[in-house]
Protein backbone atom coordinates (compact mmCIF):
# COMPACT_ATOMS: atom_id res chain seq x y z
CA LEU A 1 154.41 -118.37 143.29
CA VAL A 2 154.25 -116.86 146.82
CA ASP A 3 157.74 -115.37 146.32
CA LYS A 4 156.78 -113.93 143.01
CA ALA A 5 153.65 -112.35 144.31
CA LEU A 6 155.33 -110.91 147.30
CA ASN A 7 158.75 -109.84 145.85
CA SER A 8 158.22 -108.92 142.14
CA TYR A 9 157.21 -105.67 140.91
CA PRO A 10 155.07 -104.62 137.86
CA LYS A 11 157.17 -104.30 134.80
CA PHE A 12 154.92 -101.54 133.40
CA PRO A 13 151.57 -99.71 134.56
CA GLY A 14 148.83 -102.26 134.52
CA HIS A 15 151.11 -105.35 134.51
CA GLN A 16 149.78 -108.36 136.29
CA ILE A 17 151.02 -111.88 136.62
CA VAL A 18 148.33 -114.28 135.03
CA ILE A 19 148.39 -117.71 136.70
CA LEU A 20 146.87 -120.78 135.18
CA ALA A 21 145.58 -122.31 138.55
CA GLN A 22 144.37 -125.66 137.13
CA VAL A 23 143.35 -127.41 133.85
CA LEU A 24 139.93 -128.88 134.24
CA VAL A 25 139.68 -132.43 133.05
CA ASN A 26 138.22 -132.82 129.59
CA ASN A 27 138.96 -134.61 126.37
CA VAL A 28 139.98 -131.29 124.52
CA ASN A 29 142.79 -130.78 126.90
CA ALA A 30 144.05 -134.20 127.57
CA GLY A 31 147.60 -134.29 128.59
CA TYR A 32 147.78 -130.87 130.15
CA HIS A 33 146.29 -131.76 133.56
CA GLN A 34 149.72 -131.56 135.19
CA PHE A 35 149.80 -127.80 134.39
CA VAL A 36 149.02 -126.39 137.95
CA ASN A 37 149.76 -122.88 139.30
CA MET A 38 151.89 -121.80 136.30
CA PRO A 39 152.43 -118.15 135.21
CA VAL A 40 151.22 -117.54 131.64
CA VAL A 41 153.85 -115.44 129.88
CA ALA A 42 152.52 -115.28 126.33
CA PHE A 43 149.48 -116.22 124.17
CA ASN A 44 150.11 -117.00 120.35
CA GLY A 45 153.56 -115.33 120.69
CA GLU A 46 152.34 -112.14 122.26
CA LYS A 47 153.34 -111.29 125.85
CA VAL A 48 150.51 -111.23 128.38
CA LYS A 49 150.12 -107.92 130.07
CA ASN A 50 147.44 -108.82 132.44
CA LEU A 51 144.22 -110.93 132.76
CA ALA A 52 142.02 -108.54 130.81
CA HIS A 53 144.61 -108.43 127.91
CA MET A 54 144.80 -112.16 127.89
CA TYR A 55 140.91 -112.50 127.86
CA GLN A 56 140.84 -110.13 124.86
CA MET A 57 143.51 -111.93 122.87
CA VAL A 58 141.88 -115.39 123.43
CA HIS A 59 138.36 -114.13 122.42
CA GLN A 60 139.51 -112.24 119.39
CA SER A 61 141.95 -114.91 118.10
CA GLN A 62 141.38 -116.09 114.57
CA ASP A 63 144.24 -118.58 114.83
CA ASP A 64 143.81 -122.24 114.14
CA PHE A 65 145.43 -123.11 117.49
CA TRP A 66 145.77 -121.35 120.77
CA ARG A 67 149.27 -121.48 122.16
CA PHE A 68 149.65 -120.65 125.86
CA GLU A 69 153.30 -120.27 126.83
CA MET A 70 154.22 -120.76 130.41
CA GLU A 71 157.25 -120.07 132.47
CA GLU A 72 159.94 -122.74 132.35
CA ASP A 73 159.32 -123.24 128.56
CA LYS A 74 156.09 -125.11 129.17
CA LEU A 75 153.47 -124.95 126.35
CA ILE A 76 149.77 -125.68 125.97
CA VAL A 77 148.40 -125.84 122.38
CA ILE A 78 144.80 -126.55 121.73
CA GLU A 79 142.22 -125.95 118.99
CA PRO A 80 139.64 -123.24 119.68
CA PRO A 81 136.44 -124.80 118.16
CA PRO A 82 136.45 -128.01 120.25
CA VAL A 83 137.44 -126.06 123.33
CA GLN A 84 134.63 -123.56 122.86
CA SER A 85 131.98 -126.19 122.13
CA GLU A 86 132.91 -127.91 125.56
CA ASP A 87 132.55 -124.79 127.67
CA ALA A 88 128.99 -125.26 128.87
CA GLU A 89 129.39 -128.88 129.79
CA LEU A 90 132.74 -128.25 131.52
CA LEU A 91 131.29 -125.34 133.64
CA GLU A 92 128.30 -127.51 134.60
CA ARG A 93 130.37 -130.49 135.49
CA HIS A 94 132.62 -128.46 137.81
CA ASN A 95 129.87 -126.30 139.29
CA ILE A 96 131.27 -123.09 137.80
CA GLN A 97 128.55 -120.41 137.39
CA PHE A 98 130.39 -118.15 134.97
CA SER A 99 133.20 -118.68 132.49
CA ALA A 100 134.77 -115.36 133.34
CA SER A 101 134.48 -112.48 135.70
CA LYS A 102 131.39 -110.38 134.84
CA ASP A 103 133.57 -107.36 133.86
CA LEU A 104 135.74 -109.13 131.27
CA PRO A 105 133.19 -109.67 128.46
CA ALA A 106 132.57 -105.85 128.50
CA LEU A 107 136.23 -105.41 127.28
CA LEU A 108 135.29 -107.13 123.94
CA PRO A 109 134.18 -105.01 120.99
CA LYS A 110 130.40 -105.08 120.55
CA THR A 111 129.30 -107.11 117.55
CA SER A 112 126.43 -105.94 115.36
CA PRO A 113 123.34 -108.23 114.92
């Protein structure tokens, strides 16, 4: 990862390498805990351009499963509803104050009441 960060160049304006730093232990993601410090290359078949792009794709997905494709042909496949229902408990257990940077939710379209 250090070599990639120091020696690679953006492939296009706005390109960022998105890294899955760690999978937090939970029943909904059992079996994926060994995924550490891995570049995410695609989500549900679409190339990831940067963190904001991936955030938008995940939060706007209507798919039955989320497929995170990593380098070296690694794959994480999870169901959105169970994952979303576990968010609050997972954040509390690991003392994480926010599920995302404060600027990312502003990228999503506003929903009417």
